Amino acid sequence: MLMVTTDEVPGYVVLKSLGLALACVPYMGDKYESGIKDLNGVTNRNIAGLLEDQWIGVLRRLKACGEEMGADAIVDIRLESREITSTWRELQAYGTAVKLSPNRTRPA
């Protein structure tokens, strides 16, 4: 499954749009915590690693959503984060699930 932030996939032609693919992952976390640095200005690696793992998790869910839809790719992917409450946050990833065909034309 190809996943890109662009609206086209180089070397392929979009045959059909299958609709919106969406993934959301809620997590507990302070809105200030993910950016906290220690007194020496070094980012807390534990917090940064946990947040990175959560982004990977939301992208895996997005991929699974696209696969369930029968897509070859998800294009125009967008990533967002929002505060639900003072202690809960949500990561969102969404894009357009599409069917692709290899572009067999050769450049002039």
Protein backbone atom coordinates (compact mmCIF):
# COMPACT_ATOMS: atom_id res chain seq x y z
CA MET A 1 0.00 0.00 0.00
CA LEU A 2 1.46 3.34 -1.09
CA MET A 3 0.80 6.30 1.18
CA VAL A 4 1.75 9.81 0.02
CA THR A 5 1.07 13.40 1.00
CA THR A 6 0.84 14.42 -2.66
CA ASP A 7 -2.29 14.10 -4.81
CA GLU A 8 -0.46 12.01 -7.41
CA VAL A 9 1.83 8.99 -7.26
CA PRO A 10 4.79 9.21 -9.67
CA GLY A 11 4.63 6.45 -12.27
CA TYR A 12 0.92 5.74 -11.68
CA VAL A 13 -2.43 7.00 -12.89
CA VAL A 14 -5.39 7.25 -10.52
CA LEU A 15 -8.17 5.11 -11.97
CA LYS A 16 -10.79 5.56 -9.28
CA SER A 17 -11.33 7.35 -5.98
CA LEU A 18 -12.72 5.07 -3.28
CA GLY A 19 -13.40 7.83 -0.78
CA LEU A 20 -12.03 9.08 2.51
CA ALA A 21 -9.69 6.87 4.53
CA LEU A 22 -9.54 8.00 8.17
CA ALA A 23 -7.71 6.90 11.30
CA CYS A 24 -7.86 8.39 14.79
CA VAL A 25 -5.87 7.46 17.88
CA PRO A 26 -6.77 9.02 21.24
CA TYR A 27 -4.11 9.11 23.95
CA MET A 28 -3.58 10.58 27.39
CA GLY A 29 -1.07 13.36 27.40
CA ASP A 30 -0.48 16.91 28.49
CA LYS A 31 -0.41 19.39 25.62
CA TYR A 32 2.82 20.87 26.99
CA GLU A 33 4.48 17.55 27.82
CA SER A 34 5.36 16.49 24.26
CA GLY A 35 7.54 19.56 23.80
CA ILE A 36 9.17 19.73 27.21
CA LYS A 37 12.93 20.03 27.30
CA ASP A 38 15.15 19.65 30.30
CA LEU A 39 17.08 22.55 31.77
CA ASN A 40 19.91 21.91 29.30
CA GLY A 41 17.53 22.35 26.34
CA VAL A 42 17.47 18.64 25.44
CA THR A 43 14.09 17.15 24.47
CA ASN A 44 12.92 14.34 26.72
CA ARG A 45 13.60 11.27 24.53
CA ASN A 46 11.07 9.10 26.36
CA ILE A 47 8.21 11.49 25.59
CA ALA A 48 9.36 12.10 22.02
CA GLY A 49 9.64 8.34 21.43
CA LEU A 50 6.15 7.69 22.81
CA LEU A 51 4.64 10.36 20.58
CA GLU A 52 6.50 9.01 17.55
CA ASP A 53 5.15 5.52 18.32
CA GLN A 54 1.61 6.92 18.44
CA TRP A 55 2.05 8.60 15.03
CA ILE A 56 3.28 5.30 13.61
CA GLY A 57 0.20 3.65 15.12
CA VAL A 58 -2.20 6.10 13.48
CA LEU A 59 -0.48 5.60 10.11
CA ARG A 60 -0.81 1.82 10.51
CA ARG A 61 -4.52 2.27 11.16
CA LEU A 62 -4.83 4.47 8.09
CA LYS A 63 -3.11 1.80 5.99
CA ALA A 64 -5.49 -0.86 7.36
CA CYS A 65 -8.45 1.37 6.52
CA GLY A 66 -7.23 1.74 2.93
CA GLU A 67 -6.68 -2.00 2.63
CA GLU A 68 -10.24 -2.68 3.88
CA MET A 69 -11.51 -0.33 1.17
CA GLY A 70 -9.55 -2.24 -1.50
CA ALA A 71 -7.25 0.69 -2.26
CA ASP A 72 -3.86 0.50 -3.92
CA ALA A 73 -2.80 3.77 -2.30
CA ILE A 74 -3.87 6.61 -0.06
CA VAL A 75 -3.06 10.01 -1.53
CA ASP A 76 -3.12 13.57 -0.18
CA ILE A 77 -2.55 12.36 3.39
CA ARG A 78 -2.95 14.93 6.15
CA LEU A 79 -1.88 14.58 9.78
CA GLU A 80 -3.50 16.49 12.62
CA SER A 81 -3.50 16.59 16.39
CA ARG A 82 -6.16 18.07 18.61
CA GLU A 83 -6.97 18.45 22.27
CA ILE A 84 -10.12 16.60 23.36
CA THR A 85 -9.92 17.49 27.07
CA SER A 86 -7.14 18.81 29.28
CA THR A 87 -5.73 15.28 29.57
CA TRP A 88 -6.83 13.59 26.33
CA ARG A 89 -5.48 14.29 22.86
CA GLU A 90 -6.17 12.75 19.48
CA LEU A 91 -3.97 12.08 16.49
CA GLN A 92 -5.73 11.95 13.12
CA ALA A 93 -4.54 10.85 9.70
CA TYR A 94 -6.74 10.99 6.62
CA GLY A 95 -6.49 10.92 2.87
CA THR A 96 -8.18 9.68 -0.29
CA ALA A 97 -8.14 5.94 -0.96
CA VAL A 98 -7.56 5.27 -4.67
CA LYS A 99 -7.10 2.51 -7.24
CA LEU A 100 -3.98 2.92 -9.36
CA SER A 101 -2.63 1.74 -12.69
CA PRO A 102 1.02 1.94 -13.76
CA ASN A 103 1.61 4.78 -16.21
CA ARG A 104 3.03 3.03 -19.25
CA THR A 105 3.64 6.17 -21.31
CA ARG A 106 7.24 7.19 -21.79
CA PRO A 107 8.37 10.80 -21.64
CA ALA A 108 9.27 12.35 -24.99
